[in-house]
Amino acid sequence: MNRLFAVLLLVTASCGPYSYLRKADENPMDGQTVLMLGSLLYSNAEIDGLHEDIWIAGQNDTWKAEWPGDQGRSAAGFATTLKSRLQARGITMTPQANPQGATLMVKPWVTRLETGGWNPTILVVSAQLCDANGGVLEEIQTKVKVKSNFNKFEDRLDQAALLAAENVAQWVTERSAK
C-alpha cells in the first residue's frame, strides 16, 4: 500500500505546472516578500530543433526583422504577468538595479520553443532562484502549449509566455508562503 501511495504521489507531482530540476533541502524562499527578477532570455534556446542563432539565420528577412520585437514583447508580458500575480499574493518582484532589500533573484530563460506552424506552439521555460553571489539554489522548468487556431505566431508566443509566467508565479508563491 505504501508503494502505491508513493507512486501516486510521484505521478501527481510530475503532472503539475512545473517540475524541479534542483530543489534546496531548506526552503530559501520561506517568508520572502521581495525578490529580484531577471529578464526572460531566448539567447540559448533551441528553436524548432536548432540553436537560436542558427534558427534565425535560416529565416526570411521579415522573420529576422520581427524576431527581436517578438522576444521583447513576450519577455515584457512574462514579467508583467509574474509581477502582478505575485503582487496579489504580497510578493514584490523588483529589478536587479533596484533590489529593495532582496537577496534572491529569479532568473528565467527559454530553453526550447517549437514555433508550431499549424501545430501548437510549445514553450519550455526554466527559472533559477539565485543567491546574491549568483549561486543557484533552486531550478524549475515549465512547459506550456498554445494551440494554433489560426493565430499568428507572435500572438501564440505572447500567450505561451503569459502561461509560463503563471506557472513560475505558482512556484514562487508555494515556496515563499509565510
Protein backbone atom coordinates (compact mmCIF):
# COMPACT_ATOMS: atom_id res chain seq x y z
CA MET A 1 0.00 0.00 0.00
CA ASN A 2 2.81 2.45 0.83
CA ARG A 3 4.45 1.81 -2.55
CA LEU A 4 1.21 2.58 -4.35
CA PHE A 5 0.90 5.85 -2.42
CA ALA A 6 4.49 6.80 -3.29
CA VAL A 7 3.89 6.09 -6.99
CA LEU A 8 0.66 8.10 -7.00
CA LEU A 9 2.42 10.98 -5.23
CA LEU A 10 5.22 10.94 -7.81
CA VAL A 11 2.77 10.87 -10.72
CA THR A 12 0.75 13.71 -9.19
CA ALA A 13 3.90 15.80 -8.60
CA SER A 14 5.09 15.33 -12.17
CA CYS A 15 1.73 16.43 -13.59
CA GLY A 16 1.88 19.90 -12.04
CA PRO A 17 2.57 23.09 -13.94
CA TYR A 18 6.31 22.89 -13.23
CA SER A 19 8.93 20.36 -12.24
CA TYR A 20 12.05 20.72 -10.15
CA LEU A 21 15.43 20.39 -11.79
CA ARG A 22 17.04 21.28 -8.45
CA LYS A 23 15.34 21.79 -5.10
CA ALA A 24 17.01 23.10 -1.95
CA ASP A 25 16.82 20.97 1.18
CA GLU A 26 15.93 24.05 3.21
CA ASN A 27 13.49 26.41 1.53
CA PRO A 28 15.42 29.61 0.67
CA MET A 29 12.22 31.49 -0.26
CA ASP A 30 10.44 30.81 3.02
CA GLY A 31 8.89 34.09 4.14
CA GLN A 32 10.46 36.17 1.35
CA THR A 33 8.35 39.13 0.24
CA VAL A 34 10.78 40.84 -2.16
CA LEU A 35 12.68 39.07 -4.94
CA MET A 36 14.67 40.40 -7.88
CA LEU A 37 13.62 39.38 -11.38
CA GLY A 38 15.89 38.87 -14.37
CA SER A 39 14.66 39.21 -17.95
CA LEU A 40 13.24 36.26 -19.85
CA LEU A 41 16.01 35.41 -22.33
CA TYR A 42 15.98 33.41 -25.56
CA SER A 43 19.69 33.51 -26.41
CA ASN A 44 20.45 29.85 -25.62
CA ALA A 45 17.10 28.44 -26.67
CA GLU A 46 16.58 25.53 -29.00
CA ILE A 47 14.03 26.70 -31.57
CA ASP A 48 12.45 24.12 -33.84
CA GLY A 49 15.36 21.82 -33.05
CA LEU A 50 18.10 24.38 -33.78
CA HIS A 51 20.16 26.73 -31.61
CA GLU A 52 18.52 30.18 -31.69
CA ASP A 53 21.22 31.86 -33.80
CA ILE A 54 21.19 29.06 -36.39
CA TRP A 55 17.38 29.05 -36.48
CA ILE A 56 17.12 32.81 -37.07
CA ALA A 57 19.82 32.70 -39.75
CA GLY A 58 17.59 30.34 -41.73
CA GLN A 59 14.52 32.60 -41.58
CA ASN A 60 13.38 35.09 -44.20
CA ASP A 61 14.09 38.81 -43.81
CA THR A 62 10.65 39.53 -42.35
CA TRP A 63 11.08 36.96 -39.55
CA LYS A 64 14.64 38.17 -38.90
CA ALA A 65 13.38 41.73 -38.53
CA GLU A 66 10.42 40.77 -36.31
CA TRP A 67 12.21 38.29 -34.02
CA PRO A 68 13.80 40.84 -31.60
CA GLY A 69 10.42 42.53 -31.13
CA ASP A 70 8.65 39.20 -30.63
CA GLN A 71 11.18 38.26 -27.94
CA GLY A 72 10.93 41.63 -26.23
CA ARG A 73 7.15 41.67 -26.21
CA SER A 74 6.88 38.13 -24.81
CA ALA A 75 9.55 38.86 -22.17
CA ALA A 76 7.71 42.03 -21.11
CA GLY A 77 4.41 40.14 -20.91
CA PHE A 78 6.09 37.42 -18.86
CA ALA A 79 7.48 39.97 -16.38
CA THR A 80 4.23 41.92 -16.11
CA THR A 81 2.16 38.79 -15.51
CA LEU A 82 4.62 37.37 -12.98
CA LYS A 83 4.80 40.66 -11.07
CA SER A 84 1.02 41.13 -10.97
CA ARG A 85 0.29 37.55 -9.87
CA LEU A 86 2.86 37.77 -7.09
CA GLN A 87 1.88 41.30 -6.06
CA ALA A 88 -1.65 39.99 -5.44
CA ARG A 89 -0.07 37.50 -3.01
CA GLY A 90 2.06 40.09 -1.20
CA ILE A 91 5.32 39.36 -3.02
CA THR A 92 7.17 42.14 -4.85
CA MET A 93 9.34 41.40 -7.88
CA THR A 94 11.90 44.14 -8.40
CA PRO A 95 14.64 44.73 -10.99
CA GLN A 96 18.22 43.89 -10.05
CA ALA A 97 19.13 47.58 -10.37
CA ASN A 98 16.67 48.39 -7.54
CA PRO A 99 16.73 45.35 -5.22
CA GLN A 100 14.72 46.98 -2.39
CA GLY A 101 16.43 44.68 0.12
CA ALA A 102 16.02 41.49 -1.92
CA THR A 103 18.88 38.99 -1.67
CA LEU A 104 17.42 36.36 -4.02
CA MET A 105 16.85 36.59 -7.76
CA VAL A 106 14.58 34.67 -10.12
CA LYS A 107 16.31 34.20 -13.50
CA PRO A 108 14.00 32.85 -16.23
CA TRP A 109 15.03 31.79 -19.73
CA VAL A 110 13.58 29.92 -22.66
CA THR A 111 15.19 26.53 -23.15
CA ARG A 112 13.03 25.29 -26.01
CA LEU A 113 10.50 26.71 -28.42
CA GLU A 114 8.52 24.91 -31.08
CA THR A 115 7.02 27.62 -33.24
CA GLY A 116 4.27 25.28 -34.37
CA GLY A 117 3.11 26.41 -37.78
CA TRP A 118 -0.24 24.60 -37.99
CA ASN A 119 0.65 22.66 -34.83
CA PRO A 120 0.62 24.04 -31.28
CA THR A 121 3.36 26.39 -30.16
CA ILE A 122 5.30 24.84 -27.27
CA LEU A 123 7.41 26.92 -24.92
CA VAL A 124 9.71 25.48 -22.25
CA VAL A 125 10.97 27.94 -19.65
CA SER A 126 13.46 27.27 -16.86
CA ALA A 127 13.72 29.53 -13.83
CA GLN A 128 16.52 29.58 -11.32
CA LEU A 129 16.47 31.02 -7.84
CA CYS A 130 19.92 32.52 -7.26
CA ASP A 131 21.58 33.96 -4.17
CA ALA A 132 23.39 37.32 -4.02
CA ASN A 133 26.57 35.73 -5.45
CA GLY A 134 24.72 34.18 -8.40
CA GLY A 135 24.76 30.68 -6.90
CA VAL A 136 21.81 28.56 -7.99
CA LEU A 137 19.68 27.46 -5.04
CA GLU A 138 16.72 26.00 -6.92
CA GLU A 139 15.67 25.49 -10.51
CA ILE A 140 12.35 24.60 -12.08
CA GLN A 141 11.11 24.02 -15.59
CA THR A 142 7.67 24.56 -17.03
CA LYS A 143 6.26 23.55 -20.40
CA VAL A 144 3.23 25.24 -21.93
CA LYS A 145 1.34 24.64 -25.15
CA VAL A 146 -0.78 27.06 -27.15
CA LYS A 147 -2.95 25.66 -29.92
CA SER A 148 -2.70 27.25 -33.35
CA ASN A 149 -6.34 28.12 -34.05
CA PHE A 150 -5.03 30.14 -36.99
CA ASN A 151 -3.47 32.74 -34.68
CA LYS A 152 -0.26 34.43 -35.73
CA PHE A 153 2.96 33.06 -34.25
CA GLU A 154 3.73 36.20 -32.26
CA ASP A 155 0.30 36.05 -30.59
CA ARG A 156 0.82 32.39 -29.65
CA LEU A 157 4.31 33.22 -28.32
CA ASP A 158 2.90 36.03 -26.18
CA GLN A 159 0.18 33.74 -24.83
CA ALA A 160 2.73 30.99 -24.08
CA ALA A 161 4.93 33.46 -22.17
CA LEU A 162 1.93 34.51 -20.05
CA LEU A 163 1.11 30.87 -19.25
CA ALA A 164 4.73 30.20 -18.31
CA ALA A 165 4.70 33.26 -16.02
CA GLU A 166 1.59 31.90 -14.27
CA ASN A 167 3.45 28.64 -13.58
CA VAL A 168 6.56 30.41 -12.29
CA ALA A 169 4.32 32.56 -10.07
CA GLN A 170 2.81 29.40 -8.62
CA TRP A 171 6.29 28.07 -7.77
CA VAL A 172 7.35 31.32 -6.08
CA THR A 173 4.03 31.54 -4.21
CA GLU A 174 4.24 27.97 -2.94
CA ARG A 175 7.86 28.32 -1.84
CA SER A 176 7.58 31.76 -0.23
CA ALA A 177 4.38 31.02 1.70
CA LYS A 178 4.50 32.51 5.15
